[in-house]
Amino acid sequence: MGFFKESGSPTSNKAIARLQQLIWVLIYGGLLTLVLGLSVQRIDDPLGWSMVVVGGVVAALGFVLIYVRSRLSIKD
C-alpha cells in the first residue's frame, strides 16, 4: 500500500522529482542573489539593483513553479 494514490496522468515521478529540484535551486539561488545584490548596492548602485531584480525574478519563477507542480498529477 503506497502513500500516494495512483492516477492515470502522463507525468512520471522522475519528472516531478526533477521539477522539485529545479524549484528549490531557483528559490534559494534567487534569494541569495537578491541578498548579495543588496550588499553590493552599497558599493555599486547599478550592479546591486540589477542583481536584486534578477534575484527577485528568479525566486518568483521558483514560486510560480510550486503552483505548477501543485497542478500536476503523478504517474508511476
N, C-alpha and C. Protein backbone atom coordinates (compact mmCIF):
# COMPACT_ATOMS: atom_id res chain seq x y z
N MET A 1 0.84 -1.17 0.00
CA MET A 1 0.00 0.00 0.00
C MET A 1 0.90 1.24 0.00
N GLY A 2 0.75 2.07 -0.99
CA GLY A 2 1.58 3.27 -1.10
C GLY A 2 0.97 4.46 -0.40
N PHE A 3 1.80 5.45 -0.21
CA PHE A 3 1.34 6.67 0.46
C PHE A 3 0.47 7.51 -0.46
N PHE A 4 0.85 7.57 -1.75
CA PHE A 4 0.12 8.37 -2.71
C PHE A 4 -0.87 7.50 -3.48
N LYS A 5 -1.99 8.10 -3.85
CA LYS A 5 -2.95 7.40 -4.68
C LYS A 5 -2.45 7.41 -6.12
N GLU A 6 -2.70 6.32 -6.81
CA GLU A 6 -2.30 6.25 -8.21
C GLU A 6 -3.29 7.02 -9.07
N SER A 7 -2.77 7.63 -10.12
CA SER A 7 -3.63 8.33 -11.06
C SER A 7 -3.21 7.97 -12.47
N GLY A 8 -4.05 8.29 -13.42
CA GLY A 8 -3.77 7.93 -14.80
C GLY A 8 -3.15 9.06 -15.60
N SER A 9 -2.45 9.98 -14.95
CA SER A 9 -1.89 11.11 -15.68
C SER A 9 -0.54 10.75 -16.31
N PRO A 10 -0.12 11.50 -17.31
CA PRO A 10 1.11 11.16 -18.02
C PRO A 10 2.41 11.66 -17.37
N THR A 11 2.37 12.28 -16.21
CA THR A 11 3.57 12.83 -15.59
C THR A 11 4.22 11.78 -14.70
N SER A 12 5.52 11.51 -14.92
CA SER A 12 6.21 10.48 -14.16
C SER A 12 6.80 11.04 -12.88
N ASN A 13 7.11 10.15 -11.96
CA ASN A 13 7.73 10.56 -10.71
C ASN A 13 9.10 11.17 -10.94
N LYS A 14 9.82 10.69 -11.96
CA LYS A 14 11.14 11.22 -12.27
C LYS A 14 11.05 12.68 -12.71
N ALA A 15 10.06 12.99 -13.50
CA ALA A 15 9.87 14.38 -13.95
C ALA A 15 9.48 15.28 -12.79
N ILE A 16 8.66 14.78 -11.88
CA ILE A 16 8.26 15.55 -10.71
C ILE A 16 9.48 15.81 -9.82
N ALA A 17 10.31 14.80 -9.61
CA ALA A 17 11.50 14.97 -8.78
C ALA A 17 12.45 16.00 -9.40
N ARG A 18 12.61 15.95 -10.70
CA ARG A 18 13.48 16.92 -11.38
C ARG A 18 12.90 18.33 -11.27
N LEU A 19 11.59 18.45 -11.37
CA LEU A 19 10.94 19.75 -11.23
C LEU A 19 11.11 20.29 -9.82
N GLN A 20 10.99 19.43 -8.81
CA GLN A 20 11.17 19.88 -7.43
C GLN A 20 12.60 20.34 -7.17
N GLN A 21 13.57 19.66 -7.74
CA GLN A 21 14.95 20.12 -7.61
C GLN A 21 15.14 21.49 -8.25
N LEU A 22 14.58 21.66 -9.42
CA LEU A 22 14.68 22.95 -10.11
C LEU A 22 14.01 24.05 -9.30
N ILE A 23 12.87 23.76 -8.71
CA ILE A 23 12.15 24.75 -7.91
C ILE A 23 13.03 25.26 -6.78
N TRP A 24 13.62 24.35 -6.02
CA TRP A 24 14.40 24.78 -4.86
C TRP A 24 15.69 25.47 -5.26
N VAL A 25 16.31 25.05 -6.35
CA VAL A 25 17.51 25.75 -6.84
C VAL A 25 17.15 27.17 -7.24
N LEU A 26 16.04 27.35 -7.93
CA LEU A 26 15.62 28.69 -8.33
C LEU A 26 15.29 29.57 -7.13
N ILE A 27 14.57 29.02 -6.16
CA ILE A 27 14.19 29.83 -5.00
C ILE A 27 15.42 30.23 -4.18
N TYR A 28 16.23 29.27 -3.81
CA TYR A 28 17.40 29.59 -2.98
C TYR A 28 18.43 30.41 -3.75
N GLY A 29 18.66 30.08 -5.01
CA GLY A 29 19.60 30.87 -5.81
C GLY A 29 19.12 32.29 -6.02
N GLY A 30 17.84 32.46 -6.26
CA GLY A 30 17.28 33.79 -6.46
C GLY A 30 17.34 34.62 -5.20
N LEU A 31 17.01 34.03 -4.06
CA LEU A 31 17.07 34.78 -2.80
C LEU A 31 18.50 35.12 -2.42
N LEU A 32 19.43 34.22 -2.68
CA LEU A 32 20.84 34.51 -2.41
C LEU A 32 21.34 35.65 -3.28
N THR A 33 20.99 35.63 -4.55
CA THR A 33 21.38 36.70 -5.46
C THR A 33 20.76 38.03 -5.04
N LEU A 34 19.51 37.99 -4.60
CA LEU A 34 18.84 39.19 -4.14
C LEU A 34 19.56 39.80 -2.93
N VAL A 35 19.91 38.98 -1.96
CA VAL A 35 20.59 39.47 -0.76
C VAL A 35 21.99 39.98 -1.11
N LEU A 36 22.70 39.26 -1.96
CA LEU A 36 24.02 39.74 -2.38
C LEU A 36 23.91 41.06 -3.13
N GLY A 37 22.86 41.20 -3.92
CA GLY A 37 22.63 42.46 -4.62
C GLY A 37 22.41 43.61 -3.67
N LEU A 38 21.72 43.36 -2.57
CA LEU A 38 21.50 44.41 -1.57
C LEU A 38 22.82 44.84 -0.93
N SER A 39 23.73 43.91 -0.72
CA SER A 39 25.01 44.29 -0.12
C SER A 39 25.94 44.94 -1.15
N VAL A 40 25.88 44.51 -2.40
CA VAL A 40 26.70 45.11 -3.46
C VAL A 40 26.20 46.51 -3.78
N GLN A 41 24.94 46.75 -3.55
CA GLN A 41 24.33 48.05 -3.88
C GLN A 41 25.01 49.20 -3.14
N ARG A 42 25.57 48.95 -1.98
CA ARG A 42 26.25 49.99 -1.22
C ARG A 42 27.50 50.49 -1.94
N ILE A 43 28.13 49.61 -2.70
CA ILE A 43 29.37 49.96 -3.40
C ILE A 43 29.09 50.40 -4.83
N ASP A 44 28.28 49.63 -5.53
CA ASP A 44 27.99 49.90 -6.95
C ASP A 44 26.48 49.82 -7.13
N ASP A 45 25.83 50.97 -7.15
CA ASP A 45 24.36 51.03 -7.16
C ASP A 45 23.72 50.32 -8.37
N PRO A 46 24.16 50.60 -9.62
CA PRO A 46 23.50 49.93 -10.75
C PRO A 46 23.67 48.41 -10.74
N LEU A 47 24.86 47.94 -10.39
CA LEU A 47 25.09 46.48 -10.34
C LEU A 47 24.25 45.85 -9.23
N GLY A 48 24.18 46.52 -8.09
CA GLY A 48 23.39 46.00 -6.98
C GLY A 48 21.92 45.88 -7.33
N TRP A 49 21.36 46.93 -7.94
CA TRP A 49 19.95 46.88 -8.31
C TRP A 49 19.68 45.82 -9.36
N SER A 50 20.61 45.65 -10.31
CA SER A 50 20.38 44.61 -11.32
C SER A 50 20.41 43.22 -10.69
N MET A 51 21.28 43.02 -9.71
CA MET A 51 21.31 41.73 -9.01
C MET A 51 20.03 41.51 -8.20
N VAL A 52 19.53 42.57 -7.58
CA VAL A 52 18.28 42.47 -6.81
C VAL A 52 17.13 42.09 -7.73
N VAL A 53 17.05 42.74 -8.87
CA VAL A 53 15.95 42.47 -9.82
C VAL A 53 16.04 41.05 -10.36
N VAL A 54 17.25 40.65 -10.79
CA VAL A 54 17.42 39.30 -11.34
C VAL A 54 17.12 38.24 -10.27
N GLY A 55 17.62 38.45 -9.06
CA GLY A 55 17.35 37.50 -7.98
C GLY A 55 15.88 37.41 -7.65
N GLY A 56 15.19 38.55 -7.64
CA GLY A 56 13.75 38.55 -7.36
C GLY A 56 12.96 37.82 -8.43
N VAL A 57 13.34 38.03 -9.68
CA VAL A 57 12.64 37.36 -10.79
C VAL A 57 12.87 35.85 -10.73
N VAL A 58 14.11 35.44 -10.46
CA VAL A 58 14.41 34.01 -10.39
C VAL A 58 13.67 33.35 -9.24
N ALA A 59 13.64 33.99 -8.06
CA ALA A 59 12.91 33.44 -6.92
C ALA A 59 11.41 33.39 -7.22
N ALA A 60 10.88 34.43 -7.86
CA ALA A 60 9.46 34.43 -8.21
C ALA A 60 9.13 33.30 -9.18
N LEU A 61 10.04 33.02 -10.11
CA LEU A 61 9.84 31.90 -11.03
C LEU A 61 9.77 30.58 -10.27
N GLY A 62 10.61 30.43 -9.25
CA GLY A 62 10.55 29.23 -8.42
C GLY A 62 9.23 29.09 -7.71
N PHE A 63 8.68 30.21 -7.20
CA PHE A 63 7.39 30.16 -6.53
C PHE A 63 6.26 29.86 -7.51
N VAL A 64 6.36 30.35 -8.73
CA VAL A 64 5.36 30.03 -9.76
C VAL A 64 5.41 28.55 -10.09
N LEU A 65 6.62 27.99 -10.13
CA LEU A 65 6.73 26.56 -10.42
C LEU A 65 6.16 25.70 -9.30
N ILE A 66 6.12 26.21 -8.07
CA ILE A 66 5.44 25.48 -7.00
C ILE A 66 3.96 25.34 -7.33
N TYR A 67 3.37 26.41 -7.83
CA TYR A 67 1.96 26.36 -8.23
C TYR A 67 1.78 25.37 -9.39
N VAL A 68 2.67 25.41 -10.36
CA VAL A 68 2.59 24.48 -11.50
C VAL A 68 2.70 23.05 -10.99
N ARG A 69 3.60 22.80 -10.06
CA ARG A 69 3.78 21.46 -9.51
C ARG A 69 2.51 21.00 -8.79
N SER A 70 1.82 21.90 -8.14
CA SER A 70 0.61 21.51 -7.43
C SER A 70 -0.51 21.10 -8.38
N ARG A 71 -0.43 21.53 -9.61
CA ARG A 71 -1.46 21.20 -10.59
C ARG A 71 -1.16 19.93 -11.38
N LEU A 72 0.05 19.38 -11.24
CA LEU A 72 0.42 18.17 -11.97
C LEU A 72 -0.04 16.94 -11.20
N SER A 73 -0.35 15.90 -11.94
CA SER A 73 -0.68 14.61 -11.33
C SER A 73 0.52 13.69 -11.46
N ILE A 74 0.59 12.69 -10.61
CA ILE A 74 1.73 11.79 -10.58
C ILE A 74 1.37 10.45 -11.19
N LYS A 75 2.30 9.92 -11.99
CA LYS A 75 2.15 8.59 -12.60
C LYS A 75 3.35 7.75 -12.19
N ASP A 76 3.15 6.49 -11.87
CA ASP A 76 4.27 5.62 -11.50
C ASP A 76 5.03 5.16 -12.66
